[in-house]
Amino acid sequence: MTQSFKIIFMFLFALSFISAGSGVKLSAADKVQTKCPVMGWDIDKSRFADYKGNRIYFCCSSCPEDFKKDPEKYVKKLKDSGVVLEKTPAK
């Protein structure tokens, strides 16, 4: 096997565990959210907003307030970049 094939295989293998645990079926083209839709920085999973059954993560405490001003804009931005939004956990 070539090195790049091994890397792709390991990535897809790891992704299958992530998607199996969340109940969301991801394809090879789908991406989990890693960047804040407001600032574009790495997300902090302790900072989030739930919107229309989806959990949106942010990089800092000020971003959820900006998100709430125009949530559809930011959801569209995430979806257009191929991100599959995480479902809001059941209460």
N, C-alpha and C. Protein backbone atom coordinates (compact mmCIF):
# COMPACT_ATOMS: atom_id res chain seq x y z
N MET A 1 0.84 -1.18 0.00
CA MET A 1 0.00 0.00 0.00
C MET A 1 0.88 1.24 0.00
N THR A 2 0.39 2.24 -0.70
CA THR A 2 1.14 3.50 -0.69
C THR A 2 0.84 4.25 0.60
N GLN A 3 1.70 5.16 0.93
CA GLN A 3 1.55 5.94 2.16
C GLN A 3 0.25 6.74 2.15
N SER A 4 -0.10 7.37 1.02
CA SER A 4 -1.32 8.17 0.97
C SER A 4 -2.56 7.29 1.11
N PHE A 5 -2.53 6.09 0.56
CA PHE A 5 -3.66 5.17 0.71
C PHE A 5 -3.84 4.78 2.17
N LYS A 6 -2.74 4.54 2.87
CA LYS A 6 -2.81 4.19 4.29
C LYS A 6 -3.42 5.32 5.11
N ILE A 7 -3.03 6.54 4.81
CA ILE A 7 -3.55 7.70 5.54
C ILE A 7 -5.05 7.85 5.28
N ILE A 8 -5.46 7.73 4.05
CA ILE A 8 -6.89 7.83 3.72
C ILE A 8 -7.67 6.73 4.41
N PHE A 9 -7.15 5.51 4.37
CA PHE A 9 -7.83 4.39 5.02
C PHE A 9 -7.97 4.64 6.51
N MET A 10 -6.90 5.10 7.18
CA MET A 10 -6.96 5.36 8.62
C MET A 10 -7.96 6.47 8.94
N PHE A 11 -8.00 7.51 8.11
CA PHE A 11 -8.96 8.60 8.31
C PHE A 11 -10.39 8.09 8.20
N LEU A 12 -10.69 7.34 7.17
CA LEU A 12 -12.04 6.83 6.99
C LEU A 12 -12.42 5.85 8.09
N PHE A 13 -11.47 5.05 8.54
CA PHE A 13 -11.71 4.12 9.62
C PHE A 13 -12.07 4.88 10.90
N ALA A 14 -11.30 5.91 11.23
CA ALA A 14 -11.58 6.72 12.42
C ALA A 14 -12.91 7.44 12.29
N LEU A 15 -13.21 7.95 11.11
CA LEU A 15 -14.46 8.65 10.87
C LEU A 15 -15.66 7.74 11.05
N SER A 16 -15.51 6.46 10.74
CA SER A 16 -16.62 5.53 10.91
C SER A 16 -16.98 5.38 12.38
N PHE A 17 -15.98 5.44 13.27
CA PHE A 17 -16.26 5.36 14.70
C PHE A 17 -16.95 6.63 15.20
N ILE A 18 -16.52 7.77 14.69
CA ILE A 18 -17.14 9.03 15.09
C ILE A 18 -18.60 9.05 14.67
N SER A 19 -18.87 8.69 13.42
CA SER A 19 -20.25 8.74 12.93
C SER A 19 -21.11 7.67 13.58
N ALA A 20 -20.55 6.52 13.91
CA ALA A 20 -21.33 5.45 14.55
C ALA A 20 -21.78 5.89 15.94
N GLY A 21 -20.95 6.61 16.65
CA GLY A 21 -21.30 7.04 17.99
C GLY A 21 -22.28 8.18 18.02
N SER A 22 -22.36 8.98 16.98
CA SER A 22 -23.25 10.13 16.99
C SER A 22 -24.61 9.86 16.37
N GLY A 23 -24.75 8.72 15.71
CA GLY A 23 -26.01 8.41 15.05
C GLY A 23 -26.13 9.08 13.69
N VAL A 24 -25.13 9.84 13.27
CA VAL A 24 -25.13 10.50 11.98
C VAL A 24 -24.28 9.69 11.02
N LYS A 25 -24.82 9.37 9.88
CA LYS A 25 -24.07 8.62 8.88
C LYS A 25 -23.33 9.59 7.98
N LEU A 26 -22.01 9.54 8.01
CA LEU A 26 -21.19 10.41 7.20
C LEU A 26 -20.64 9.65 6.01
N SER A 27 -20.57 10.32 4.90
CA SER A 27 -19.91 9.74 3.74
C SER A 27 -18.49 10.32 3.69
N ALA A 28 -17.71 9.85 2.77
CA ALA A 28 -16.33 10.32 2.66
C ALA A 28 -16.27 11.81 2.35
N ALA A 29 -17.34 12.35 1.71
CA ALA A 29 -17.35 13.77 1.35
C ALA A 29 -17.82 14.67 2.48
N ASP A 30 -18.45 14.11 3.51
CA ASP A 30 -18.98 14.89 4.62
C ASP A 30 -17.88 15.24 5.62
N LYS A 31 -18.09 16.38 6.31
CA LYS A 31 -17.11 16.82 7.30
C LYS A 31 -17.82 17.14 8.60
N VAL A 32 -17.15 16.87 9.71
CA VAL A 32 -17.65 17.31 11.01
C VAL A 32 -17.18 18.74 11.21
N GLN A 33 -17.89 19.48 12.05
CA GLN A 33 -17.53 20.87 12.29
C GLN A 33 -16.26 20.97 13.12
N THR A 34 -15.29 21.68 12.62
CA THR A 34 -14.04 21.92 13.34
C THR A 34 -13.74 23.41 13.47
N LYS A 35 -14.42 24.25 12.67
CA LYS A 35 -14.17 25.69 12.67
C LYS A 35 -15.43 26.46 13.06
N CYS A 36 -15.22 27.55 13.75
CA CYS A 36 -16.31 28.44 14.16
C CYS A 36 -16.89 29.11 12.91
N PRO A 37 -18.22 29.10 12.75
CA PRO A 37 -18.80 29.73 11.56
C PRO A 37 -18.71 31.26 11.59
N VAL A 38 -18.49 31.84 12.76
CA VAL A 38 -18.42 33.29 12.88
C VAL A 38 -17.00 33.79 12.62
N MET A 39 -16.02 33.27 13.35
CA MET A 39 -14.64 33.76 13.25
C MET A 39 -13.73 32.87 12.40
N GLY A 40 -14.09 31.61 12.21
CA GLY A 40 -13.27 30.72 11.41
C GLY A 40 -12.14 30.04 12.18
N TRP A 41 -12.10 30.22 13.48
CA TRP A 41 -11.06 29.60 14.30
C TRP A 41 -11.51 28.22 14.76
N ASP A 42 -10.61 27.46 15.38
CA ASP A 42 -10.95 26.14 15.89
C ASP A 42 -12.04 26.25 16.95
N ILE A 43 -12.97 25.30 16.94
CA ILE A 43 -14.09 25.34 17.89
C ILE A 43 -13.67 24.88 19.28
N ASP A 44 -14.44 25.33 20.25
CA ASP A 44 -14.34 24.89 21.65
C ASP A 44 -15.69 24.26 21.93
N LYS A 45 -15.73 22.94 22.11
CA LYS A 45 -17.01 22.24 22.24
C LYS A 45 -17.80 22.62 23.49
N SER A 46 -17.23 23.41 24.37
CA SER A 46 -18.00 23.89 25.52
C SER A 46 -18.78 25.15 25.17
N ARG A 47 -18.56 25.69 23.99
CA ARG A 47 -19.26 26.90 23.53
C ARG A 47 -20.11 26.54 22.32
N PHE A 48 -21.43 26.56 22.51
CA PHE A 48 -22.32 26.14 21.43
C PHE A 48 -23.69 26.79 21.56
N ALA A 49 -24.45 26.68 20.48
CA ALA A 49 -25.86 27.08 20.47
C ALA A 49 -26.62 25.98 19.76
N ASP A 50 -27.82 25.70 20.24
CA ASP A 50 -28.68 24.73 19.58
C ASP A 50 -29.66 25.50 18.72
N TYR A 51 -29.77 25.09 17.45
CA TYR A 51 -30.62 25.80 16.50
C TYR A 51 -31.30 24.81 15.57
N LYS A 52 -32.62 24.80 15.61
CA LYS A 52 -33.43 23.94 14.75
C LYS A 52 -32.97 22.48 14.78
N GLY A 53 -32.71 21.97 15.98
CA GLY A 53 -32.34 20.57 16.15
C GLY A 53 -30.88 20.25 15.89
N ASN A 54 -30.07 21.27 15.66
CA ASN A 54 -28.64 21.06 15.42
C ASN A 54 -27.82 21.82 16.46
N ARG A 55 -26.66 21.30 16.76
CA ARG A 55 -25.74 21.94 17.69
C ARG A 55 -24.63 22.59 16.87
N ILE A 56 -24.46 23.90 17.06
CA ILE A 56 -23.45 24.68 16.36
C ILE A 56 -22.39 25.07 17.39
N TYR A 57 -21.13 24.79 17.09
CA TYR A 57 -20.03 25.09 18.01
C TYR A 57 -19.31 26.37 17.60
N PHE A 58 -18.69 27.02 18.60
CA PHE A 58 -18.01 28.28 18.38
C PHE A 58 -16.63 28.28 19.03
N CYS A 59 -15.84 29.30 18.71
CA CYS A 59 -14.48 29.39 19.23
C CYS A 59 -14.40 30.16 20.54
N CYS A 60 -15.35 31.05 20.79
CA CYS A 60 -15.27 31.89 21.99
C CYS A 60 -16.66 32.27 22.47
N SER A 61 -16.74 32.95 23.58
CA SER A 61 -18.03 33.28 24.19
C SER A 61 -18.81 34.36 23.46
N SER A 62 -18.17 35.17 22.64
CA SER A 62 -18.90 36.23 21.93
C SER A 62 -19.56 35.74 20.64
N CYS A 63 -19.08 34.66 20.07
CA CYS A 63 -19.61 34.19 18.79
C CYS A 63 -21.06 33.72 18.83
N PRO A 64 -21.53 33.05 19.89
CA PRO A 64 -22.95 32.67 19.90
C PRO A 64 -23.88 33.87 19.78
N GLU A 65 -23.51 35.00 20.36
CA GLU A 65 -24.34 36.21 20.26
C GLU A 65 -24.41 36.70 18.82
N ASP A 66 -23.28 36.69 18.12
CA ASP A 66 -23.27 37.09 16.71
C ASP A 66 -24.10 36.10 15.88
N PHE A 67 -23.96 34.82 16.18
CA PHE A 67 -24.72 33.78 15.48
C PHE A 67 -26.22 34.03 15.62
N LYS A 68 -26.67 34.36 16.81
CA LYS A 68 -28.11 34.54 17.08
C LYS A 68 -28.70 35.72 16.30
N LYS A 69 -27.88 36.65 15.86
CA LYS A 69 -28.36 37.79 15.08
C LYS A 69 -28.78 37.37 13.67
N ASP A 70 -28.15 36.34 13.10
CA ASP A 70 -28.47 35.86 11.76
C ASP A 70 -28.06 34.39 11.62
N PRO A 71 -28.76 33.49 12.34
CA PRO A 71 -28.33 32.09 12.36
C PRO A 71 -28.35 31.41 10.99
N GLU A 72 -29.31 31.74 10.16
CA GLU A 72 -29.40 31.09 8.84
C GLU A 72 -28.15 31.37 8.00
N LYS A 73 -27.60 32.55 8.12
CA LYS A 73 -26.37 32.92 7.40
C LYS A 73 -25.23 31.96 7.77
N TYR A 74 -25.08 31.70 9.07
CA TYR A 74 -23.97 30.87 9.53
C TYR A 74 -24.22 29.38 9.29
N VAL A 75 -25.47 28.95 9.41
CA VAL A 75 -25.79 27.55 9.10
C VAL A 75 -25.52 27.29 7.62
N LYS A 76 -25.93 28.22 6.77
CA LYS A 76 -25.68 28.08 5.33
C LYS A 76 -24.18 28.02 5.05
N LYS A 77 -23.42 28.85 5.73
CA LYS A 77 -21.96 28.87 5.55
C LYS A 77 -21.36 27.49 5.88
N LEU A 78 -21.81 26.91 7.00
CA LEU A 78 -21.31 25.58 7.38
C LEU A 78 -21.71 24.52 6.36
N LYS A 79 -22.99 24.52 5.99
CA LYS A 79 -23.48 23.51 5.05
C LYS A 79 -22.82 23.66 3.68
N ASP A 80 -22.63 24.90 3.23
CA ASP A 80 -21.98 25.13 1.93
C ASP A 80 -20.54 24.63 1.92
N SER A 81 -19.91 24.58 3.09
CA SER A 81 -18.53 24.07 3.16
C SER A 81 -18.49 22.56 3.37
N GLY A 82 -19.67 21.91 3.36
CA GLY A 82 -19.72 20.45 3.45
C GLY A 82 -19.84 19.90 4.85
N VAL A 83 -20.01 20.77 5.84
CA VAL A 83 -20.12 20.32 7.22
C VAL A 83 -21.49 19.68 7.45
N VAL A 84 -21.49 18.52 8.08
CA VAL A 84 -22.73 17.87 8.52
C VAL A 84 -22.91 18.26 9.97
N LEU A 85 -24.00 18.97 10.24
CA LEU A 85 -24.22 19.48 11.59
C LEU A 85 -24.58 18.35 12.55
N GLU A 86 -24.06 18.47 13.75
CA GLU A 86 -24.34 17.51 14.80
C GLU A 86 -25.76 17.78 15.32
N LYS A 87 -26.50 16.72 15.55
CA LYS A 87 -27.86 16.86 16.09
C LYS A 87 -27.78 17.27 17.55
N THR A 88 -28.76 18.07 17.99
CA THR A 88 -28.86 18.44 19.39
C THR A 88 -29.14 17.18 20.21
N PRO A 89 -28.36 16.94 21.26
CA PRO A 89 -28.58 15.74 22.07
C PRO A 89 -29.98 15.75 22.70
N ALA A 90 -30.56 14.56 22.85
CA ALA A 90 -31.86 14.44 23.49
C ALA A 90 -31.74 14.85 24.96
N LYS A 91 -32.79 15.49 25.46
CA LYS A 91 -32.75 15.97 26.84
C LYS A 91 -33.24 14.94 27.80
